[in-house]
Structure formats: structure tokens, C-alpha cells
C-alpha atoms as a PDB file:
ATOM      1  CA  UNK A   1       7.442   1.616  16.898  1.00  0.00           C
ATOM      2  CA  UNK A   2      11.159   0.697  17.114  1.00  0.00           C
ATOM      3  CA  UNK A   3      14.089  -0.704  14.916  1.00  0.00           C
ATOM      4  CA  UNK A   4      15.300  -4.256  15.698  1.00  0.00           C
ATOM      5  CA  UNK A   5      19.037  -4.818  17.296  1.00  0.00           C
ATOM      6  CA  UNK A   6      20.033  -5.669  13.944  1.00  0.00           C
ATOM      7  CA  UNK A   7      18.404  -2.821  12.081  1.00  0.00           C
ATOM      8  CA  UNK A   8      16.712  -4.797   9.435  1.00  0.00           C
ATOM      9  CA  UNK A   9      12.855  -5.018  10.910  1.00  0.00           C
ATOM     10  CA  UNK A  10      10.776  -1.932  12.342  1.00  0.00           C
ATOM     11  CA  UNK A  11       8.266  -3.620  15.082  1.00  0.00           C
ATOM     12  CA  UNK A  12       5.564  -1.253  14.465  1.00  0.00           C
ATOM     13  CA  UNK A  13       2.920  -2.694  16.835  1.00  0.00           C
ATOM     14  CA  UNK A  14       2.182  -6.207  18.611  1.00  0.00           C
ATOM     15  CA  UNK A  15       0.678  -7.164  15.098  1.00  0.00           C
ATOM     16  CA  UNK A  16       2.722  -5.878  12.356  1.00  0.00           C
ATOM     17  CA  UNK A  17       6.489  -5.836  11.664  1.00  0.00           C
ATOM     18  CA  UNK A  18       7.796  -4.546   8.612  1.00  0.00           C
ATOM     19  CA  UNK A  19      10.828  -6.781   7.338  1.00  0.00           C
ATOM     20  CA  UNK A  20      13.578  -6.569   4.883  1.00  0.00           C
ATOM     21  CA  UNK A  21      14.581  -3.163   5.302  1.00  0.00           C
ATOM     22  CA  UNK A  22      18.032  -2.616   3.387  1.00  0.00           C
ATOM     23  CA  UNK A  23      21.004  -1.544   5.273  1.00  0.00           C
ATOM     24  CA  UNK A  24      21.555   0.984   2.809  1.00  0.00           C
ATOM     25  CA  UNK A  25      18.121   2.699   3.760  1.00  0.00           C
ATOM     26  CA  UNK A  26      20.150   3.855   7.441  1.00  0.00           C
ATOM     27  CA  UNK A  27      23.156   5.307   5.246  1.00  0.00           C
ATOM     28  CA  UNK A  28      21.626   8.497   4.716  1.00  0.00           C
ATOM     29  CA  UNK A  29      21.512  10.966   7.525  1.00  0.00           C
ATOM     30  CA  UNK A  30      19.612  13.908   8.735  1.00  0.00           C
ATOM     31  CA  UNK A  31      22.559  15.207  11.043  1.00  0.00           C
ATOM     32  CA  UNK A  32      23.502  12.733  13.643  1.00  0.00           C
ATOM     33  CA  UNK A  33      21.154  10.385  12.499  1.00  0.00           C
ATOM     34  CA  UNK A  34      19.025   8.406   9.765  1.00  0.00           C
ATOM     35  CA  UNK A  35      15.797   9.406   8.390  1.00  0.00           C
ATOM     36  CA  UNK A  36      14.418   5.902   9.218  1.00  0.00           C
ATOM     37  CA  UNK A  37      15.469   6.871  12.827  1.00  0.00           C
ATOM     38  CA  UNK A  38      14.202  10.566  12.684  1.00  0.00           C
ATOM     39  CA  UNK A  39      10.902   8.671  11.414  1.00  0.00           C
ATOM     40  CA  UNK A  40      10.478   6.111  14.282  1.00  0.00           C
ATOM     41  CA  UNK A  41      11.272   9.071  17.152  1.00  0.00           C
ATOM     42  CA  UNK A  42       9.005  11.349  16.275  1.00  0.00           C
ATOM     43  CA  UNK A  43       5.978   9.227  15.114  1.00  0.00           C
ATOM     44  CA  UNK A  44       5.890   7.683  18.485  1.00  0.00           C
ATOM     45  CA  UNK A  45       2.506   7.774  20.567  1.00  0.00           C
ATOM     46  CA  UNK A  46       3.031   9.667  23.654  1.00  0.00           C
ATOM     47  CA  UNK A  47       1.478  11.102  26.720  1.00  0.00           C
ATOM     48  CA  UNK A  48       2.494  14.174  28.016  1.00  0.00           C
ATOM     49  CA  UNK A  49       2.785  13.718  31.888  1.00  0.00           C
ATOM     50  CA  UNK A  50       1.712  17.243  32.782  1.00  0.00           C
ATOM     51  CA  UNK A  51      -1.359  17.880  30.934  1.00  0.00           C
ATOM     52  CA  UNK A  52      -2.336  14.268  29.976  1.00  0.00           C
ATOM     53  CA  UNK A  53      -2.426  15.145  26.607  1.00  0.00           C
ATOM     54  CA  UNK A  54      -1.582  12.038  24.384  1.00  0.00           C
ATOM     55  CA  UNK A  55       0.208  12.796  20.675  1.00  0.00           C
ATOM     56  CA  UNK A  56      -0.840  10.101  18.668  1.00  0.00           C
ATOM     57  CA  UNK A  57       0.543   9.924  14.749  1.00  0.00           C
ATOM     58  CA  UNK A  58      -1.781   7.675  13.666  1.00  0.00           C
ATOM     59  CA  UNK A  59      -4.722   8.500  11.267  1.00  0.00           C
ATOM     60  CA  UNK A  60      -8.283   6.925  11.804  1.00  0.00           C
ATOM     61  CA  UNK A  61      -9.054   8.217   8.300  1.00  0.00           C
ATOM     62  CA  UNK A  62      -5.733   6.653   6.856  1.00  0.00           C
ATOM     63  CA  UNK A  63      -4.669   3.598   8.807  1.00  0.00           C
ATOM     64  CA  UNK A  64      -2.047   2.871   6.480  1.00  0.00           C
ATOM     65  CA  UNK A  65      -0.363   6.706   6.207  1.00  0.00           C
ATOM     66  CA  UNK A  66       2.593   5.699   8.666  1.00  0.00           C
ATOM     67  CA  UNK A  67       3.505   2.550   7.176  1.00  0.00           C
ATOM     68  CA  UNK A  68       3.448   4.028   3.947  1.00  0.00           C
ATOM     69  CA  UNK A  69       5.334   7.465   5.116  1.00  0.00           C
ATOM     70  CA  UNK A  70       8.234   4.597   6.347  1.00  0.00           C
ATOM     71  CA  UNK A  71       8.514   3.111   2.701  1.00  0.00           C
ATOM     72  CA  UNK A  72       8.532   6.682   1.355  1.00  0.00           C
ATOM     73  CA  UNK A  73      11.636   7.232   3.873  1.00  0.00           C
ATOM     74  CA  UNK A  74      13.016   4.430   2.919  1.00  0.00           C
ATOM     75  CA  UNK A  75      12.584   4.923  -1.309  1.00  0.00           C
ATOM     76  CA  UNK A  76      13.837   8.716  -0.732  1.00  0.00           C
ATOM     77  CA  UNK A  77      16.779   7.366   1.553  1.00  0.00           C
ATOM     78  CA  UNK A  78      18.187   4.338  -0.985  1.00  0.00           C
ATOM     79  CA  UNK A  79      17.858   6.603  -4.400  1.00  0.00           C
ATOM     80  CA  UNK A  80      19.343   9.514  -2.430  1.00  0.00           C
ATOM     81  CA  UNK A  81      22.571   6.647  -1.184  1.00  0.00           C
ATOM     82  CA  UNK A  82      22.782   5.601  -4.947  1.00  0.00           C
ATOM     83  CA  UNK A  83      23.072   9.449  -6.327  1.00  0.00           C
ATOM     84  CA  UNK A  84      25.681  10.343  -3.629  1.00  0.00           C
ATOM     85  CA  UNK A  85      27.745   7.103  -4.456  1.00  0.00           C
ATOM     86  CA  UNK A  86      27.612   7.687  -8.159  1.00  0.00           C
ATOM     87  CA  UNK A  87      28.593  11.143  -7.999  1.00  0.00           C
ATOM     88  CA  UNK A  88      32.631  11.762  -8.983  1.00  0.00           C
ATOM     89  CA  UNK A  89      35.247  12.024  -6.625  1.00  0.00           C
ATOM     90  CA  UNK A  90      36.344  16.176  -5.998  1.00  0.00           C
ATOM     91  CA  UNK A  91      39.781  15.282  -5.054  1.00  0.00           C
ATOM     92  CA  UNK A  92      38.857  16.908  -1.616  1.00  0.00           C
ATOM     93  CA  UNK A  93      40.851  16.088   1.618  1.00  0.00           C
ATOM     94  CA  UNK A  94      38.852  13.486   3.646  1.00  0.00           C
ATOM     95  CA  UNK A  95      38.878  15.480   7.108  1.00  0.00           C
END
């Protein structure tokens, strides 16, 4: 799973690409990266080189889980950005 260079698409696998991701969804940050970037990073299929154990976040009992999670993260990100932008200016210096 990876975000396109223009950050408007997520290539989930060879068969599924999620398109139309609003740029505002990347404005909601968790530390130094967006919530969407964090999900993409954490929900990768990976294999530990030493033990050979594979970590696969896909759920066989719910094949749409990660796609639904991405949709929820985008929705929460957009709503949070909208709320933050609607807050009044506190008059604090921009340091």
C-alpha cells in the first residue's frame, strides 16, 4: 500500500487503487506526518528477517477492513481540519 506522488491516490494492491483523496486529508497531522501516512505505514504486510514471522494486517474475516479504515481516517482528518480552521484566532505570535 502506498500513496501516489501527487497524494491523491492510494495503491492498495495490484487490483485496487483508491482515488480522489482530498489534499486537506493530509493536513491533519500526528506528530510530523499525516494520519493517513501513519495508517499506510503501519498497515503494511511485512516479514521479520530473523524469525520469518509475517505480519499481515489484512483480515480474512473482513476483507474490506483496511479500505473502511482508510475511509474513516480520511473522514476524521477532513472534519478535524474543518473544525480547527473554524476556530477563532487567539492573537498569539506565530513562533
